[in-house]
C-alpha atoms as a PDB file:
ATOM      1  CA  MET A   1      11.973 159.448-101.960  1.00  0.00           C
ATOM      2  CA  ASN A   2       9.843 156.925-100.113  1.00  0.00           C
ATOM      3  CA  LEU A   3      11.977 154.009-100.234  1.00  0.00           C
ATOM      4  CA  ILE A   4      10.819 150.375 -99.596  1.00  0.00           C
ATOM      5  CA  PHE A   5      13.231 147.788 -98.627  1.00  0.00           C
ATOM      6  CA  ASN A   6      12.307 144.148 -98.503  1.00  0.00           C
ATOM      7  CA  GLU A   7      14.596 141.368 -97.857  1.00  0.00           C
ATOM      8  CA  LEU A   8      14.214 138.523-100.468  1.00  0.00           C
ATOM      9  CA  THR A   9      14.241 135.032 -99.890  1.00  0.00           C
ATOM     10  CA  GLN A  10      14.308 134.427-104.029  1.00  0.00           C
ATOM     11  CA  LEU A  11      16.023 135.811-106.349  1.00  0.00           C
ATOM     12  CA  THR A  12      14.372 136.542-109.953  1.00  0.00           C
ATOM     13  CA  ASP A  13      16.040 137.622-113.125  1.00  0.00           C
ATOM     14  CA  PRO A  14      15.575 141.463-112.712  1.00  0.00           C
ATOM     15  CA  HIS A  15      17.434 141.129-109.090  1.00  0.00           C
ATOM     16  CA  TYR A  16      20.320 139.274-110.732  1.00  0.00           C
ATOM     17  CA  GLU A  17      20.468 141.883-113.620  1.00  0.00           C
ATOM     18  CA  LEU A  18      20.954 144.214-110.974  1.00  0.00           C
ATOM     19  CA  LEU A  19      23.277 142.325-108.828  1.00  0.00           C
ATOM     20  CA  LEU A  20      25.251 141.305-111.809  1.00  0.00           C
ATOM     21  CA  ASP A  21      25.717 145.002-113.012  1.00  0.00           C
ATOM     22  CA  ALA A  22      27.496 145.542-109.826  1.00  0.00           C
ATOM     23  CA  ASP A  23      29.561 142.280-109.621  1.00  0.00           C
ATOM     24  CA  PRO A  24      29.628 140.346-112.788  1.00  0.00           C
ATOM     25  CA  SER A  25      30.396 137.067-110.882  1.00  0.00           C
ATOM     26  CA  LYS A  26      27.299 135.216-110.935  1.00  0.00           C
ATOM     27  CA  LYS A  27      29.259 132.272-109.075  1.00  0.00           C
ATOM     28  CA  LEU A  28      30.508 135.153-106.286  1.00  0.00           C
ATOM     29  CA  VAL A  29      26.923 136.919-106.397  1.00  0.00           C
ATOM     30  CA  ASP A  30      25.131 133.208-105.702  1.00  0.00           C
ATOM     31  CA  ASP A  31      27.385 132.582-102.901  1.00  0.00           C
ATOM     32  CA  TYR A  32      27.270 136.140-101.042  1.00  0.00           C
ATOM     33  CA  THR A  33      23.622 136.078-101.039  1.00  0.00           C
ATOM     34  CA  HIS A  34      22.975 132.523 -99.984  1.00  0.00           C
ATOM     35  CA  ARG A  35      25.328 133.590 -97.237  1.00  0.00           C
ATOM     36  CA  GLY A  36      23.956 136.831 -96.528  1.00  0.00           C
ATOM     37  CA  PHE A  37      20.780 139.207 -96.241  1.00  0.00           C
ATOM     38  CA  THR A  38      19.726 140.516 -99.715  1.00  0.00           C
ATOM     39  CA  TYR A  39      16.942 143.393-100.072  1.00  0.00           C
ATOM     40  CA  GLU A  40      15.354 144.765-102.840  1.00  0.00           C
ATOM     41  CA  VAL A  41      14.431 148.382-102.894  1.00  0.00           C
ATOM     42  CA  THR A  42      11.908 150.047-104.627  1.00  0.00           C
ATOM     43  CA  LEU A  43       9.626 153.179-105.524  1.00  0.00           C
ATOM     44  CA  ASP A  44       6.193 153.482-106.157  1.00  0.00           C
ATOM     45  CA  LYS A  45       6.249 149.446-106.360  1.00  0.00           C
ATOM     46  CA  LYS A  46       9.250 149.451-109.157  1.00  0.00           C
ATOM     47  CA  LEU A  47      12.612 147.880-108.266  1.00  0.00           C
ATOM     48  CA  VAL A  48      15.036 150.267-108.523  1.00  0.00           C
ATOM     49  CA  GLY A  49      18.033 148.955-106.454  1.00  0.00           C
ATOM     50  CA  THR A  50      19.297 145.833-104.384  1.00  0.00           C
ATOM     51  CA  ILE A  51      21.941 145.508-101.438  1.00  0.00           C
ATOM     52  CA  VAL A  52      23.385 142.511 -99.629  1.00  0.00           C
ATOM     53  CA  LEU A  53      24.590 142.273 -96.034  1.00  0.00           C
ATOM     54  CA  LEU A  54      27.021 139.785 -95.276  1.00  0.00           C
ATOM     55  CA  PRO A  55      28.028 139.200 -91.377  1.00  0.00           C
ATOM     56  CA  THR A  56      32.070 138.684 -91.701  1.00  0.00           C
ATOM     57  CA  ARG A  57      33.489 138.457 -88.333  1.00  0.00           C
ATOM     58  CA  PRO A  58      32.120 139.135 -85.070  1.00  0.00           C
ATOM     59  CA  GLU A  59      30.424 142.278 -84.797  1.00  0.00           C
ATOM     60  CA  THR A  60      31.454 143.085 -88.390  1.00  0.00           C
ATOM     61  CA  LEU A  61      28.908 143.788 -91.462  1.00  0.00           C
ATOM     62  CA  GLU A  62      30.057 143.957 -95.105  1.00  0.00           C
ATOM     63  CA  ILE A  63      28.140 145.493 -97.876  1.00  0.00           C
ATOM     64  CA  VAL A  64      29.098 142.910-100.379  1.00  0.00           C
ATOM     65  CA  ASN A  65      26.731 144.135-103.391  1.00  0.00           C
ATOM     66  CA  ILE A  66      24.984 147.625-103.780  1.00  0.00           C
ATOM     67  CA  ALA A  67      23.232 148.505-107.068  1.00  0.00           C
ATOM     68  CA  VAL A  68      21.178 151.201-108.497  1.00  0.00           C
ATOM     69  CA  GLU A  69      18.946 150.822-111.602  1.00  0.00           C
ATOM     70  CA  PRO A  70      20.984 153.200-114.102  1.00  0.00           C
ATOM     71  CA  ASN A  71      18.193 155.260-114.803  1.00  0.00           C
ATOM     72  CA  PHE A  72      17.626 156.014-111.312  1.00  0.00           C
ATOM     73  CA  GLN A  73      21.214 156.828-110.606  1.00  0.00           C
ATOM     74  CA  LYS A  74      22.474 160.282-109.251  1.00  0.00           C
ATOM     75  CA  GLN A  75      18.853 160.736-107.597  1.00  0.00           C
ATOM     76  CA  GLY A  76      20.297 159.790-103.871  1.00  0.00           C
ATOM     77  CA  ILE A  77      19.140 156.429-103.858  1.00  0.00           C
ATOM     78  CA  GLY A  78      22.767 155.154-103.534  1.00  0.00           C
ATOM     79  CA  GLN A  79      22.810 157.017-100.425  1.00  0.00           C
ATOM     80  CA  GLN A  80      19.626 156.053 -98.977  1.00  0.00           C
ATOM     81  CA  MET A  81      20.728 152.791 -99.525  1.00  0.00           C
ATOM     82  CA  LEU A  82      24.239 153.359 -97.133  1.00  0.00           C
ATOM     83  CA  ASP A  83      21.981 154.708 -94.789  1.00  0.00           C
ATOM     84  CA  PHE A  84      19.730 151.491 -94.717  1.00  0.00           C
ATOM     85  CA  ALA A  85      22.748 149.450 -94.195  1.00  0.00           C
ATOM     86  CA  ILE A  86      24.360 152.119 -91.498  1.00  0.00           C
ATOM     87  CA  ASN A  87      20.741 151.906 -89.657  1.00  0.00           C
ATOM     88  CA  TYR A  88      20.507 148.030 -90.017  1.00  0.00           C
ATOM     89  CA  ALA A  89      23.988 147.336 -88.366  1.00  0.00           C
ATOM     90  CA  LYS A  90      23.535 150.007 -85.940  1.00  0.00           C
ATOM     91  CA  LYS A  91      19.803 148.108 -85.015  1.00  0.00           C
ATOM     92  CA  ASN A  92      21.944 144.916 -84.996  1.00  0.00           C
ATOM     93  CA  TYR A  93      24.418 145.118 -82.543  1.00  0.00           C
ATOM     94  CA  TYR A  94      27.507 145.569 -84.996  1.00  0.00           C
ATOM     95  CA  ARG A  95      30.201 147.749 -84.267  1.00  0.00           C
ATOM     96  CA  THR A  96      31.906 147.980 -87.533  1.00  0.00           C
ATOM     97  CA  LEU A  97      30.556 148.385 -91.419  1.00  0.00           C
ATOM     98  CA  GLU A  98      32.728 147.525 -94.353  1.00  0.00           C
ATOM     99  CA  ILE A  99      32.516 147.878 -98.096  1.00  0.00           C
ATOM    100  CA  GLY A 100      34.693 147.075-101.011  1.00  0.00           C
ATOM    101  CA  THR A 101      35.391 148.812-104.525  1.00  0.00           C
ATOM    102  CA  GLY A 102      36.822 149.211-107.247  1.00  0.00           C
ATOM    103  CA  SER A 103      39.881 151.221-107.351  1.00  0.00           C
ATOM    104  CA  THR A 104      38.266 152.527-110.563  1.00  0.00           C
ATOM    105  CA  SER A 105      35.228 153.357-109.099  1.00  0.00           C
ATOM    106  CA  ILE A 106      35.993 157.262-108.856  1.00  0.00           C
ATOM    107  CA  GLY A 107      31.826 157.838-108.136  1.00  0.00           C
ATOM    108  CA  GLN A 108      31.449 155.317-105.527  1.00  0.00           C
ATOM    109  CA  LEU A 109      34.535 155.941-103.707  1.00  0.00           C
ATOM    110  CA  TYR A 110      33.257 159.407-103.337  1.00  0.00           C
ATOM    111  CA  LEU A 111      29.727 158.483-102.199  1.00  0.00           C
ATOM    112  CA  TYR A 112      31.247 156.054 -99.562  1.00  0.00           C
ATOM    113  CA  GLN A 113      33.633 158.305 -98.147  1.00  0.00           C
ATOM    114  CA  LYS A 114      30.944 161.140 -98.224  1.00  0.00           C
ATOM    115  CA  VAL A 115      29.062 159.093 -95.970  1.00  0.00           C
ATOM    116  CA  GLY A 116      31.552 158.362 -93.076  1.00  0.00           C
ATOM    117  CA  PHE A 117      33.653 155.360 -94.712  1.00  0.00           C
ATOM    118  CA  ARG A 118      37.432 155.713 -94.765  1.00  0.00           C
ATOM    119  CA  ILE A 119      39.970 153.674 -96.479  1.00  0.00           C
ATOM    120  CA  SER A 120      41.309 150.796 -94.813  1.00  0.00           C
ATOM    121  CA  SER A 121      43.125 148.384 -96.834  1.00  0.00           C
ATOM    122  CA  ILE A 122      43.692 147.627-100.584  1.00  0.00           C
ATOM    123  CA  ASP A 123      43.568 144.342-101.919  1.00  0.00           C
ATOM    124  CA  THR A 124      46.370 144.057-104.408  1.00  0.00           C
ATOM    125  CA  ASP A 125      45.124 142.341-107.614  1.00  0.00           C
ATOM    126  CA  PHE A 126      42.001 141.337-106.245  1.00  0.00           C
ATOM    127  CA  PHE A 127      39.560 141.660-109.541  1.00  0.00           C
ATOM    128  CA  ILE A 128      42.675 139.734-111.264  1.00  0.00           C
ATOM    129  CA  HIS A 129      42.638 137.068-109.179  1.00  0.00           C
ATOM    130  CA  HIS A 130      38.698 136.293-108.636  1.00  0.00           C
ATOM    131  CA  TYR A 131      37.745 137.109-111.783  1.00  0.00           C
ATOM    132  CA  SER A 132      38.157 135.100-115.389  1.00  0.00           C
ATOM    133  CA  GLU A 133      37.273 137.976-117.393  1.00  0.00           C
ATOM    134  CA  GLU A 134      38.963 141.386-117.448  1.00  0.00           C
ATOM    135  CA  ILE A 135      36.966 144.142-115.975  1.00  0.00           C
ATOM    136  CA  VAL A 136      36.762 147.693-118.000  1.00  0.00           C
ATOM    137  CA  GLU A 137      35.836 150.312-115.878  1.00  0.00           C
ATOM    138  CA  ASN A 138      36.115 154.203-116.927  1.00  0.00           C
ATOM    139  CA  GLY A 139      38.539 153.279-119.678  1.00  0.00           C
ATOM    140  CA  LEU A 140      40.941 151.447-116.794  1.00  0.00           C
ATOM    141  CA  VAL A 141      41.625 147.739-116.526  1.00  0.00           C
ATOM    142  CA  LEU A 142      39.996 147.131-112.663  1.00  0.00           C
ATOM    143  CA  ARG A 143      42.911 145.234-110.592  1.00  0.00           C
ATOM    144  CA  ASP A 144      42.727 146.499-107.320  1.00  0.00           C
ATOM    145  CA  MET A 145      39.968 146.530-104.586  1.00  0.00           C
ATOM    146  CA  ILE A 146      39.804 149.448-102.223  1.00  0.00           C
ATOM    147  CA  ARG A 147      38.099 148.368 -98.782  1.00  0.00           C
ATOM    148  CA  LEU A 148      36.498 151.019 -96.289  1.00  0.00           C
ATOM    149  CA  ARG A 149      35.648 151.034 -93.457  1.00  0.00           C
ATOM    150  CA  LEU A 150      32.640 152.705 -90.755  1.00  0.00           C
ATOM    151  CA  ASN A 151      33.141 152.710 -86.933  1.00  0.00           C
ATOM    152  CA  LEU A 152      29.413 152.474 -85.691  1.00  0.00           C
END
């Protein structure tokens, strides 16, 4: 699958739709997209994903948003996007790549560990404190963020 990654300088409605699917807070999305590097992912000129990379500490890069268009999920695109982030981090001399996800995000937790990320911490009640509306995922109220780390 020949995915094309293009850095964005301006977000369009389709980009926002994907970003907000992964993170329902427009305020947070606007904050980190202005501070980080946002890429659109296309396949045959069709938008299939977005990924946002944010330097957080010296030598540390975090994937703060990663989203695949629902019709293109479970086709290996997410794994290729993670590979892109890993290669980007290595090329830019980061030593650590981090990602956080909901404790109820079973599929994402599997994928991140499959590519080598290891659980590093839990942000207890992160989603309760940072989101004004309750998030329900896989039939459970989302409360905690699982943080994962990959040493490069």
